[in-house]
C-alpha atoms as a PDB file:
ATOM      1  CA  MET A   1     -12.149  -1.231 -16.785  1.00  0.00           C
ATOM      2  CA  LYS A   2     -12.820  -1.191 -13.056  1.00  0.00           C
ATOM      3  CA  LEU A   3     -10.354   0.162 -10.533  1.00  0.00           C
ATOM      4  CA  LEU A   4      -9.924  -3.235  -8.896  1.00  0.00           C
ATOM      5  CA  ASP A   5      -9.216  -4.924 -12.240  1.00  0.00           C
ATOM      6  CA  ARG A   6      -6.687  -2.241 -13.184  1.00  0.00           C
ATOM      7  CA  LEU A   7      -4.912  -2.557  -9.837  1.00  0.00           C
ATOM      8  CA  MET A   8      -4.780  -6.333 -10.113  1.00  0.00           C
ATOM      9  CA  LYS A   9      -3.364  -6.078 -13.646  1.00  0.00           C
ATOM     10  CA  ILE A  10      -0.643  -3.662 -12.456  1.00  0.00           C
ATOM     11  CA  ILE A  11       0.223  -5.957  -9.540  1.00  0.00           C
ATOM     12  CA  VAL A  12       0.458  -9.017 -11.795  1.00  0.00           C
ATOM     13  CA  ASP A  13       2.536  -7.138 -14.401  1.00  0.00           C
ATOM     14  CA  ARG A  14       4.993  -5.827 -11.787  1.00  0.00           C
ATOM     15  CA  LYS A  15       5.106  -9.210 -10.007  1.00  0.00           C
ATOM     16  CA  ILE A  16       4.698  -7.605  -6.578  1.00  0.00           C
ATOM     17  CA  PHE A  17       3.455 -10.744  -4.823  1.00  0.00           C
ATOM     18  CA  CYS A  18       5.550 -13.865  -5.336  1.00  0.00           C
ATOM     19  CA  TRP A  19       3.262 -16.211  -3.360  1.00  0.00           C
ATOM     20  CA  ASP A  20      -0.352 -16.996  -4.218  1.00  0.00           C
ATOM     21  CA  ARG A  21      -1.508 -18.465  -0.927  1.00  0.00           C
ATOM     22  CA  LYS A  22      -4.279 -15.887  -0.576  1.00  0.00           C
ATOM     23  CA  ASN A  23      -6.582 -14.655  -3.295  1.00  0.00           C
ATOM     24  CA  LEU A  24      -5.123 -11.589  -5.038  1.00  0.00           C
ATOM     25  CA  GLU A  25      -8.506  -9.868  -5.109  1.00  0.00           C
ATOM     26  CA  ILE A  26      -8.834 -10.236  -1.326  1.00  0.00           C
ATOM     27  CA  LYS A  27      -5.328  -8.801  -0.855  1.00  0.00           C
ATOM     28  CA  VAL A  28      -6.083  -5.779  -3.026  1.00  0.00           C
ATOM     29  CA  LEU A  29      -9.484  -5.134  -1.425  1.00  0.00           C
ATOM     30  CA  ALA A  30      -8.016  -5.407   2.073  1.00  0.00           C
ATOM     31  CA  VAL A  31      -5.227  -2.968   1.212  1.00  0.00           C
ATOM     32  CA  LEU A  32      -7.717  -0.528  -0.342  1.00  0.00           C
ATOM     33  CA  ILE A  33      -9.911  -0.600   2.758  1.00  0.00           C
ATOM     34  CA  TYR A  34      -6.868  -0.100   4.993  1.00  0.00           C
ATOM     35  CA  TYR A  35      -5.755   2.805   2.781  1.00  0.00           C
ATOM     36  CA  ALA A  36      -9.199   4.355   3.236  1.00  0.00           C
ATOM     37  CA  GLY A  37      -8.522   4.649   6.962  1.00  0.00           C
ATOM     38  CA  ILE A  38      -9.636   1.482   8.746  1.00  0.00           C
ATOM     39  CA  SER A  39      -7.100  -0.227  11.025  1.00  0.00           C
ATOM     40  CA  TYR A  40      -5.219  -3.440  10.203  1.00  0.00           C
ATOM     41  CA  ARG A  41      -7.100  -5.447  12.804  1.00  0.00           C
ATOM     42  CA  LYS A  42     -10.534  -4.186  11.749  1.00  0.00           C
ATOM     43  CA  VAL A  43      -9.810  -5.017   8.106  1.00  0.00           C
ATOM     44  CA  ARG A  44      -8.655  -8.473   9.211  1.00  0.00           C
ATOM     45  CA  ASP A  45     -11.914  -8.912  11.119  1.00  0.00           C
ATOM     46  CA  ILE A  46     -13.980  -7.791   8.117  1.00  0.00           C
ATOM     47  CA  PHE A  47     -12.317 -10.226   5.699  1.00  0.00           C
ATOM     48  CA  GLY A  48     -11.774 -12.971   8.277  1.00  0.00           C
ATOM     49  CA  CYS A  49     -14.980 -14.761   7.377  1.00  0.00           C
ATOM     50  CA  ILE A  50     -14.111 -14.780   3.648  1.00  0.00           C
ATOM     51  CA  GLU A  51     -10.436 -15.675   3.815  1.00  0.00           C
ATOM     52  CA  PRO A  52      -8.532 -15.564   7.115  1.00  0.00           C
ATOM     53  CA  PHE A  53      -5.231 -13.688   7.350  1.00  0.00           C
ATOM     54  CA  SER A  54      -3.330 -11.879  10.069  1.00  0.00           C
ATOM     55  CA  HIS A  55      -3.011  -8.145  10.536  1.00  0.00           C
ATOM     56  CA  GLU A  56       0.743  -8.570  10.048  1.00  0.00           C
ATOM     57  CA  ALA A  57       0.125 -10.090   6.607  1.00  0.00           C
ATOM     58  CA  LEU A  58      -2.001  -7.067   5.732  1.00  0.00           C
ATOM     59  CA  ARG A  59       0.776  -4.749   6.917  1.00  0.00           C
ATOM     60  CA  LYS A  60       3.247  -6.537   4.632  1.00  0.00           C
ATOM     61  CA  TRP A  61       0.823  -6.394   1.692  1.00  0.00           C
ATOM     62  CA  TYR A  62       0.350  -2.671   2.230  1.00  0.00           C
ATOM     63  CA  SER A  63       4.098  -2.049   2.451  1.00  0.00           C
ATOM     64  CA  LYS A  64       4.483  -3.738  -0.940  1.00  0.00           C
ATOM     65  CA  LEU A  65       1.577  -1.856  -2.532  1.00  0.00           C
ATOM     66  CA  LYS A  66       2.018   1.601  -1.012  1.00  0.00           C
ATOM     67  CA  VAL A  67       4.115   2.703  -4.000  1.00  0.00           C
ATOM     68  CA  LEU A  68       0.913   2.536  -6.066  1.00  0.00           C
ATOM     69  CA  PHE A  69      -0.816   5.101  -3.853  1.00  0.00           C
ATOM     70  CA  VAL A  70       0.381   8.674  -4.251  1.00  0.00           C
ATOM     71  CA  HIS A  71      -0.780  10.694  -1.264  1.00  0.00           C
ATOM     72  CA  GLU A  72      -0.384  14.401  -1.886  1.00  0.00           C
ATOM     73  CA  LYS A  73      -1.038  17.004   0.733  1.00  0.00           C
ATOM     74  CA  LYS A  74      -3.176  19.627  -0.874  1.00  0.00           C
ATOM     75  CA  HIS A  75      -5.173  22.580   0.286  1.00  0.00           C
ATOM     76  CA  ARG A  76      -8.874  21.866   0.525  1.00  0.00           C
ATOM     77  CA  ARG A  77     -11.440  24.618   0.637  1.00  0.00           C
ATOM     78  CA  ALA A  78     -13.867  22.631   2.777  1.00  0.00           C
ATOM     79  CA  ILE A  79     -14.290  19.130   4.151  1.00  0.00           C
ATOM     80  CA  ALA A  80     -17.663  17.541   4.877  1.00  0.00           C
ATOM     81  CA  VAL A  81     -17.840  15.001   7.707  1.00  0.00           C
ATOM     82  CA  ASP A  82     -20.685  12.509   7.775  1.00  0.00           C
ATOM     83  CA  GLU A  83     -21.563   9.852  10.335  1.00  0.00           C
ATOM     84  CA  THR A  84     -23.731   6.879   9.400  1.00  0.00           C
ATOM     85  CA  LYS A  85     -25.251   4.283  11.725  1.00  0.00           C
ATOM     86  CA  VAL A  86     -25.224   0.721  10.348  1.00  0.00           C
ATOM     87  CA  LYS A  87     -26.425  -2.504  11.966  1.00  0.00           C
ATOM     88  CA  LEU A  88     -23.805  -5.227  11.659  1.00  0.00           C
ATOM     89  CA  GLU A  89     -24.519  -8.663  13.140  1.00  0.00           C
ATOM     90  CA  ASN A  90     -26.999  -7.503  15.822  1.00  0.00           C
ATOM     91  CA  ARG A  91     -24.967  -4.494  16.924  1.00  0.00           C
ATOM     92  CA  TRP A  92     -24.739  -0.918  15.726  1.00  0.00           C
ATOM     93  CA  VAL A  93     -21.520   0.518  14.302  1.00  0.00           C
ATOM     94  CA  TYR A  94     -20.856   4.088  13.252  1.00  0.00           C
ATOM     95  CA  ILE A  95     -19.025   4.890  10.036  1.00  0.00           C
ATOM     96  CA  TRP A  96     -17.412   8.329   9.924  1.00  0.00           C
ATOM     97  CA  ASN A  97     -16.554   9.726   6.460  1.00  0.00           C
ATOM     98  CA  ALA A  98     -14.602  12.823   5.490  1.00  0.00           C
ATOM     99  CA  ILE A  99     -15.275  14.025   1.951  1.00  0.00           C
ATOM    100  CA  ASP A 100     -13.784  16.886  -0.046  1.00  0.00           C
ATOM    101  CA  VAL A 101     -16.666  19.200  -0.927  1.00  0.00           C
ATOM    102  CA  ASP A 102     -15.246  20.323  -4.272  1.00  0.00           C
ATOM    103  CA  ASN A 103     -14.452  17.018  -5.994  1.00  0.00           C
ATOM    104  CA  ARG A 104     -16.300  14.560  -3.682  1.00  0.00           C
ATOM    105  CA  GLU A 105     -13.130  12.603  -2.975  1.00  0.00           C
ATOM    106  CA  VAL A 106     -13.227  10.378   0.104  1.00  0.00           C
ATOM    107  CA  ILE A 107     -10.406  11.544   2.361  1.00  0.00           C
ATOM    108  CA  ALA A 108     -10.772   9.228   5.349  1.00  0.00           C
ATOM    109  CA  ILE A 109     -13.034   6.597   6.895  1.00  0.00           C
ATOM    110  CA  HIS A 110     -13.280   5.592  10.544  1.00  0.00           C
ATOM    111  CA  VAL A 111     -15.423   2.872  12.134  1.00  0.00           C
ATOM    112  CA  SER A 112     -16.438   3.006  15.798  1.00  0.00           C
ATOM    113  CA  THR A 113     -18.879   1.173  18.019  1.00  0.00           C
ATOM    114  CA  THR A 114     -19.969   4.289  19.912  1.00  0.00           C
ATOM    115  CA  ARG A 115     -21.121   7.747  18.910  1.00  0.00           C
ATOM    116  CA  THR A 116     -19.561  10.227  21.289  1.00  0.00           C
ATOM    117  CA  SER A 117     -17.837  13.557  20.983  1.00  0.00           C
ATOM    118  CA  LEU A 118     -14.530  11.758  21.625  1.00  0.00           C
ATOM    119  CA  ASN A 119     -15.060   9.639  18.509  1.00  0.00           C
ATOM    120  CA  ALA A 120     -15.790  12.765  16.498  1.00  0.00           C
ATOM    121  CA  LEU A 121     -12.714  14.569  17.860  1.00  0.00           C
ATOM    122  CA  TYR A 122     -10.493  11.559  17.205  1.00  0.00           C
ATOM    123  CA  PHE A 123     -11.700  11.353  13.610  1.00  0.00           C
ATOM    124  CA  LEU A 124     -11.410  15.082  12.988  1.00  0.00           C
ATOM    125  CA  ARG A 125      -7.865  15.181  14.362  1.00  0.00           C
ATOM    126  CA  LYS A 126      -6.941  12.257  12.135  1.00  0.00           C
ATOM    127  CA  VAL A 127      -8.346  14.052   9.090  1.00  0.00           C
ATOM    128  CA  GLN A 128      -7.062  17.544   9.883  1.00  0.00           C
ATOM    129  CA  THR A 129      -3.342  16.814  10.035  1.00  0.00           C
ATOM    130  CA  PHE A 130      -2.016  19.893   8.299  1.00  0.00           C
ATOM    131  CA  GLY A 131      -3.030  23.430   7.509  1.00  0.00           C
ATOM    132  CA  GLU A 132      -2.226  27.000   8.348  1.00  0.00           C
ATOM    133  CA  ARG A 133      -2.099  27.952  12.001  1.00  0.00           C
ATOM    134  CA  ASN A 134      -4.100  30.930  13.145  1.00  0.00           C
ATOM    135  CA  ALA A 135      -2.661  33.879  15.074  1.00  0.00           C
ATOM    136  CA  VAL A 136      -3.533  32.410  18.488  1.00  0.00           C
ATOM    137  CA  GLU A 137      -1.725  29.143  17.752  1.00  0.00           C
ATOM    138  CA  GLN A 138       1.322  31.015  16.452  1.00  0.00           C
ATOM    139  CA  TRP A 139       1.447  33.225  19.548  1.00  0.00           C
ATOM    140  CA  TYR A 140       0.893  30.279  21.899  1.00  0.00           C
ATOM    141  CA  SER A 141       3.866  28.330  20.511  1.00  0.00           C
ATOM    142  CA  LEU A 142       6.064  31.394  21.054  1.00  0.00           C
ATOM    143  CA  PHE A 143       4.641  31.757  24.570  1.00  0.00           C
ATOM    144  CA  LYS A 144       5.356  28.095  25.380  1.00  0.00           C
ATOM    145  CA  ALA A 145       8.965  28.446  24.223  1.00  0.00           C
ATOM    146  CA  ARG A 146       9.506  31.513  26.423  1.00  0.00           C
ATOM    147  CA  VAL A 147       7.935  29.866  29.476  1.00  0.00           C
ATOM    148  CA  LYS A 148      10.108  26.787  28.987  1.00  0.00           C
ATOM    149  CA  ARG A 149      13.244  28.980  28.966  1.00  0.00           C
ATOM    150  CA  PHE A 150      12.030  30.792  32.078  1.00  0.00           C
ATOM    151  CA  TRP A 151      11.408  27.583  34.037  1.00  0.00           C
ATOM    152  CA  LYS A 152      14.867  26.271  33.214  1.00  0.00           C
ATOM    153  CA  ARG A 153      16.382  29.325  34.917  1.00  0.00           C
ATOM    154  CA  PHE A 154      13.985  29.557  37.843  1.00  0.00           C
ATOM    155  CA  PRO A 155      15.316  27.973  41.084  1.00  0.00           C
ATOM    156  CA  TYR A 156      12.363  25.867  42.207  1.00  0.00           C
ATOM    157  CA  HIS A 157      14.237  23.484  44.526  1.00  0.00           C
ATOM    158  CA  ILE A 158      14.920  25.959  47.306  1.00  0.00           C
ATOM    159  CA  VAL A 159      15.488  24.482  50.754  1.00  0.00           C
ATOM    160  CA  HIS A 160      14.683  26.771  53.712  1.00  0.00           C
END
């Protein structure tokens, strides 16, 4: 049984959606793509030609279905980041993927219209949200706290 069919069966059995104005398959696919890391508005734009809905509707669908997605923070030995260039309706878009090297699990997806170092940094910061801090980061946070205490006591508004 496919993942989409299993999800749809769970949703129907639990009676998560009470209205059937939009196709259930479209709802589930849109939520899955949003869960993969694409924004509400971009998912709306992708599915807009098939069945139009608002980004707010997608947000509500996701809030109802997020109990089905268990997101555990776990230590990963290594993450591979790949960028692919795809032509979509006479313009190029870049799809950034982060994949766990050990089990080939897709961690995050990001779509951008440009390929710059800022796009790469944005995506990497989105993916790397937790982990151990190195000695420099630990020392720097202590340094910042001490400087903040010093500046609170330093009289910098002296009138001569």
